[in-house]
PDB file of N, CA and C in Angstrom:
ATOM      1  N   MET A   1      -3.767  11.054  -2.986  1.00  0.00           N
ATOM      2  CA  MET A   1      -2.562  10.346  -3.343  1.00  0.00           C
ATOM      3  C   MET A   1      -2.882   9.423  -4.515  1.00  0.00           C
ATOM      4  N   ASN A   2      -1.923   9.304  -5.440  1.00  0.00           N
ATOM      5  CA  ASN A   2      -2.124   8.478  -6.625  1.00  0.00           C
ATOM      6  C   ASN A   2      -1.308   7.196  -6.540  1.00  0.00           C
ATOM      7  N   CYS A   3      -1.813   6.167  -7.187  1.00  0.00           N
ATOM      8  CA  CYS A   3      -1.155   4.870  -7.239  1.00  0.00           C
ATOM      9  C   CYS A   3       0.157   4.997  -8.011  1.00  0.00           C
ATOM     10  N   PRO A   4       1.267   4.516  -7.435  1.00  0.00           N
ATOM     11  CA  PRO A   4       2.540   4.557  -8.152  1.00  0.00           C
ATOM     12  C   PRO A   4       2.565   3.671  -9.404  1.00  0.00           C
ATOM     13  N   GLU A   5       1.686   2.680  -9.480  1.00  0.00           N
ATOM     14  CA  GLU A   5       1.664   1.758 -10.619  1.00  0.00           C
ATOM     15  C   GLU A   5       0.851   2.296 -11.787  1.00  0.00           C
ATOM     16  N   CYS A   6      -0.391   2.736 -11.517  1.00  0.00           N
ATOM     17  CA  CYS A   6      -1.293   3.106 -12.612  1.00  0.00           C
ATOM     18  C   CYS A   6      -1.779   4.550 -12.545  1.00  0.00           C
ATOM     19  N   ASP A   7      -1.370   5.292 -11.518  1.00  0.00           N
ATOM     20  CA  ASP A   7      -1.713   6.706 -11.337  1.00  0.00           C
ATOM     21  C   ASP A   7      -3.185   6.953 -10.995  1.00  0.00           C
ATOM     22  N   ALA A   8      -3.916   5.890 -10.636  1.00  0.00           N
ATOM     23  CA  ALA A   8      -5.304   6.065 -10.193  1.00  0.00           C
ATOM     24  C   ALA A   8      -5.302   6.645  -8.782  1.00  0.00           C
ATOM     25  N   LYS A   9      -6.404   7.224  -8.374  1.00  0.00           N
ATOM     26  CA  LYS A   9      -6.503   7.803  -7.040  1.00  0.00           C
ATOM     27  C   LYS A   9      -6.596   6.693  -5.995  1.00  0.00           C
ATOM     28  N   LEU A  10      -5.702   6.750  -4.990  1.00  0.00           N
ATOM     29  CA  LEU A  10      -5.728   5.802  -3.877  1.00  0.00           C
ATOM     30  C   LEU A  10      -6.487   6.423  -2.721  1.00  0.00           C
ATOM     31  N   ASN A  11      -7.339   5.634  -2.099  1.00  0.00           N
ATOM     32  CA  ASN A  11      -8.069   6.095  -0.924  1.00  0.00           C
ATOM     33  C   ASN A  11      -7.354   5.587   0.317  1.00  0.00           C
ATOM     34  N   VAL A  12      -6.557   6.461   0.941  1.00  0.00           N
ATOM     35  CA  VAL A  12      -5.855   6.118   2.174  1.00  0.00           C
ATOM     36  C   VAL A  12      -6.592   6.813   3.310  1.00  0.00           C
ATOM     37  N   PRO A  13      -7.163   6.036   4.257  1.00  0.00           N
ATOM     38  CA  PRO A  13      -7.897   6.653   5.364  1.00  0.00           C
ATOM     39  C   PRO A  13      -6.987   7.554   6.200  1.00  0.00           C
ATOM     40  N   ASP A  14      -7.544   8.634   6.735  1.00  0.00           N
ATOM     41  CA  ASP A  14      -6.771   9.559   7.567  1.00  0.00           C
ATOM     42  C   ASP A  14      -6.216   8.890   8.812  1.00  0.00           C
ATOM     43  N   ASP A  15      -6.895   7.845   9.298  1.00  0.00           N
ATOM     44  CA  ASP A  15      -6.446   7.172  10.522  1.00  0.00           C
ATOM     45  C   ASP A  15      -5.550   5.961  10.227  1.00  0.00           C
ATOM     46  N   ALA A  16      -5.084   5.829   8.984  1.00  0.00           N
ATOM     47  CA  ALA A  16      -4.199   4.718   8.618  1.00  0.00           C
ATOM     48  C   ALA A  16      -2.885   4.847   9.376  1.00  0.00           C
ATOM     49  N   THR A  17      -2.275   3.706   9.705  1.00  0.00           N
ATOM     50  CA  THR A  17      -1.032   3.706  10.463  1.00  0.00           C
ATOM     51  C   THR A  17       0.085   3.052   9.651  1.00  0.00           C
ATOM     52  N   VAL A  18       1.315   3.325  10.066  1.00  0.00           N
ATOM     53  CA  VAL A  18       2.488   2.737   9.412  1.00  0.00           C
ATOM     54  C   VAL A  18       2.388   1.219   9.507  1.00  0.00           C
ATOM     55  N   GLY A  19       2.646   0.542   8.399  1.00  0.00           N
ATOM     56  CA  GLY A  19       2.570  -0.911   8.339  1.00  0.00           C
ATOM     57  C   GLY A  19       1.281  -1.425   7.738  1.00  0.00           C
ATOM     58  N   GLU A  20       0.263  -0.583   7.630  1.00  0.00           N
ATOM     59  CA  GLU A  20      -1.004  -1.012   7.017  1.00  0.00           C
ATOM     60  C   GLU A  20      -0.814  -1.178   5.513  1.00  0.00           C
ATOM     61  N   ILE A  21      -1.630  -2.050   4.944  1.00  0.00           N
ATOM     62  CA  ILE A  21      -1.615  -2.304   3.503  1.00  0.00           C
ATOM     63  C   ILE A  21      -2.814  -1.610   2.872  1.00  0.00           C
ATOM     64  N   VAL A  22      -2.556  -0.879   1.796  1.00  0.00           N
ATOM     65  CA  VAL A  22      -3.632  -0.275   1.014  1.00  0.00           C
ATOM     66  C   VAL A  22      -3.554  -0.845  -0.394  1.00  0.00           C
ATOM     67  N   SER A  23      -4.700  -1.028  -1.017  1.00  0.00           N
ATOM     68  CA  SER A  23      -4.772  -1.611  -2.358  1.00  0.00           C
ATOM     69  C   SER A  23      -5.380  -0.621  -3.330  1.00  0.00           C
ATOM     70  N   CYS A  24      -4.880  -0.662  -4.549  1.00  0.00           N
ATOM     71  CA  CYS A  24      -5.434   0.159  -5.617  1.00  0.00           C
ATOM     72  C   CYS A  24      -6.659  -0.557  -6.176  1.00  0.00           C
ATOM     73  N   HIS A  25      -7.771   0.158  -6.260  1.00  0.00           N
ATOM     74  CA  HIS A  25      -9.000  -0.446  -6.774  1.00  0.00           C
ATOM     75  C   HIS A  25      -8.951  -0.641  -8.288  1.00  0.00           C
ATOM     76  N   ASP A  26      -8.071   0.095  -8.977  1.00  0.00           N
ATOM     77  CA  ASP A  26      -7.996  -0.028 -10.431  1.00  0.00           C
ATOM     78  C   ASP A  26      -7.088  -1.176 -10.877  1.00  0.00           C
ATOM     79  N   CYS A  27      -5.834  -1.194 -10.384  1.00  0.00           N
ATOM     80  CA  CYS A  27      -4.887  -2.204 -10.881  1.00  0.00           C
ATOM     81  C   CYS A  27      -4.666  -3.352  -9.898  1.00  0.00           C
ATOM     82  N   GLY A  28      -5.123  -3.213  -8.647  1.00  0.00           N
ATOM     83  CA  GLY A  28      -5.006  -4.285  -7.671  1.00  0.00           C
ATOM     84  C   GLY A  28      -3.664  -4.350  -6.956  1.00  0.00           C
ATOM     85  N   ALA A  29      -2.757  -3.403  -7.226  1.00  0.00           N
ATOM     86  CA  ALA A  29      -1.451  -3.397  -6.563  1.00  0.00           C
ATOM     87  C   ALA A  29      -1.622  -3.116  -5.072  1.00  0.00           C
ATOM     88  N   ASP A  30      -0.793  -3.773  -4.247  1.00  0.00           N
ATOM     89  CA  ASP A  30      -0.817  -3.579  -2.801  1.00  0.00           C
ATOM     90  C   ASP A  30       0.403  -2.783  -2.374  1.00  0.00           C
ATOM     91  N   PHE A  31       0.190  -1.828  -1.475  1.00  0.00           N
ATOM     92  CA  PHE A  31       1.260  -0.984  -0.975  1.00  0.00           C
ATOM     93  C   PHE A  31       1.193  -0.932   0.542  1.00  0.00           C
ATOM     94  N   GLU A  32       2.374  -0.884   1.154  1.00  0.00           N
ATOM     95  CA  GLU A  32       2.479  -0.759   2.605  1.00  0.00           C
ATOM     96  C   GLU A  32       2.792   0.688   2.934  1.00  0.00           C
ATOM     97  N   ILE A  33       2.156   1.215   3.973  1.00  0.00           N
ATOM     98  CA  ILE A  33       2.452   2.563   4.420  1.00  0.00           C
ATOM     99  C   ILE A  33       3.789   2.507   5.156  1.00  0.00           C
ATOM    100  N   ALA A  34       4.814   3.133   4.565  1.00  0.00           N
ATOM    101  CA  ALA A  34       6.165   3.089   5.120  1.00  0.00           C
ATOM    102  C   ALA A  34       6.374   4.167   6.175  1.00  0.00           C
ATOM    103  N   SER A  35       5.778   5.337   5.965  1.00  0.00           N
ATOM    104  CA  SER A  35       5.881   6.413   6.947  1.00  0.00           C
ATOM    105  C   SER A  35       4.697   7.352   6.790  1.00  0.00           C
ATOM    106  N   LYS A  36       4.456   8.112   7.842  1.00  0.00           N
ATOM    107  CA  LYS A  36       3.320   9.031   7.856  1.00  0.00           C
ATOM    108  C   LYS A  36       3.766  10.319   8.534  1.00  0.00           C
ATOM    109  N   ASN A  37       3.461  11.440   7.902  1.00  0.00           N
ATOM    110  CA  ASN A  37       3.754  12.747   8.470  1.00  0.00           C
ATOM    111  C   ASN A  37       2.503  13.596   8.307  1.00  0.00           C
ATOM    112  N   GLY A  38       1.666  13.643   9.346  1.00  0.00           N
ATOM    113  CA  GLY A  38       0.385  14.332   9.245  1.00  0.00           C
ATOM    114  C   GLY A  38      -0.524  13.574   8.300  1.00  0.00           C
ATOM    115  N   SER A  39      -0.926  14.210   7.212  1.00  0.00           N
ATOM    116  CA  SER A  39      -1.775  13.540   6.229  1.00  0.00           C
ATOM    117  C   SER A  39      -0.968  13.127   4.993  1.00  0.00           C
ATOM    118  N   THR A  40       0.366  13.164   5.077  1.00  0.00           N
ATOM    119  CA  THR A  40       1.236  12.763   3.980  1.00  0.00           C
ATOM    120  C   THR A  40       1.786  11.375   4.266  1.00  0.00           C
ATOM    121  N   PHE A  41       1.660  10.486   3.284  1.00  0.00           N
ATOM    122  CA  PHE A  41       2.090   9.104   3.437  1.00  0.00           C
ATOM    123  C   PHE A  41       3.195   8.785   2.443  1.00  0.00           C
ATOM    124  N   GLN A  42       4.127   7.937   2.856  1.00  0.00           N
ATOM    125  CA  GLN A  42       5.104   7.358   1.957  1.00  0.00           C
ATOM    126  C   GLN A  42       4.719   5.887   1.796  1.00  0.00           C
ATOM    127  N   LEU A  43       4.608   5.425   0.561  1.00  0.00           N
ATOM    128  CA  LEU A  43       4.219   4.047   0.296  1.00  0.00           C
ATOM    129  C   LEU A  43       5.398   3.267  -0.259  1.00  0.00           C
ATOM    130  N   LYS A  44       5.402   1.951   0.006  1.00  0.00           N
ATOM    131  CA  LYS A  44       6.355   1.055  -0.637  1.00  0.00           C
ATOM    132  C   LYS A  44       5.585  -0.162  -1.105  1.00  0.00           C
ATOM    133  N   GLN A  45       6.109  -0.818  -2.115  1.00  0.00           N
ATOM    134  CA  GLN A  45       5.453  -2.014  -2.653  1.00  0.00           C
ATOM    135  C   GLN A  45       5.334  -3.051  -1.540  1.00  0.00           C
ATOM    136  N   ALA A  46       4.151  -3.591  -1.345  1.00  0.00           N
ATOM    137  CA  ALA A  46       3.941  -4.611  -0.317  1.00  0.00           C
ATOM    138  C   ALA A  46       4.602  -5.908  -0.758  1.00  0.00           C
ATOM    139  N   GLU A  47       5.261  -6.567   0.173  1.00  0.00           N
ATOM    140  CA  GLU A  47       5.901  -7.838  -0.128  1.00  0.00           C
ATOM    141  C   GLU A  47       4.860  -8.935  -0.221  1.00  0.00           C
ATOM    142  N   LYS A  48       5.023  -9.764  -1.215  1.00  0.00           N
ATOM    143  CA  LYS A  48       4.112 -10.907  -1.375  1.00  0.00           C
ATOM    144  C   LYS A  48       4.721 -12.096  -0.660  1.00  0.00           C
ATOM    145  N   VAL A  49       3.937 -12.734   0.186  1.00  0.00           N
ATOM    146  CA  VAL A  49       4.402 -13.903   0.904  1.00  0.00           C
ATOM    147  C   VAL A  49       3.824 -15.126   0.220  1.00  0.00           C
ATOM    148  N   GLY A  50       4.691 -15.980  -0.260  1.00  0.00           N
ATOM    149  CA  GLY A  50       4.244 -17.178  -0.960  1.00  0.00           C
ATOM    150  C   GLY A  50       4.279 -18.399  -0.050  1.00  0.00           C
ATOM    151  N   GLU A  51       3.557 -19.400  -0.437  1.00  0.00           N
ATOM    152  CA  GLU A  51       3.559 -20.675   0.283  1.00  0.00           C
ATOM    153  C   GLU A  51       4.843 -21.409  -0.025  1.00  0.00           C
ATOM    154  N   ASP A  52       5.450 -22.041   0.980  1.00  0.00           N
ATOM    155  CA  ASP A  52       6.639 -22.833   0.712  1.00  0.00           C
ATOM    156  C   ASP A  52       6.316 -24.322   0.665  1.00  0.00           C
ATOM    157  N   TRP A  53       5.111 -24.677   1.028  1.00  0.00           N
ATOM    158  CA  TRP A  53       4.626 -26.054   0.971  1.00  0.00           C
ATOM    159  C   TRP A  53       5.580 -27.043   1.646  1.00  0.00           C
ATOM    160  N   GLY A  54       6.243 -26.578   2.709  1.00  0.00           N
ATOM    161  CA  GLY A  54       7.104 -27.465   3.485  1.00  0.00           C
ATOM    162  C   GLY A  54       8.448 -27.737   2.852  1.00  0.00           C
ATOM    163  N   GLU A  55       8.809 -26.952   1.872  1.00  0.00           N
ATOM    164  CA  GLU A  55      10.097 -27.184   1.192  1.00  0.00           C
ATOM    165  C   GLU A  55      11.243 -26.611   1.998  1.00  0.00           C
TER     166      GLU A  55
END
């Protein structure tokens, strides 16, 4: 599977589960596994959670 951002090869373990985060080693983008069908994965951009510092 290739990174949707930079097209580098993503290493997604065969035992990965829905909801896990995988990162691209080339561009650093994070993706969440949205669904899994056998060895086929659907990825979505991982949401970044920021600090609200009590605001």
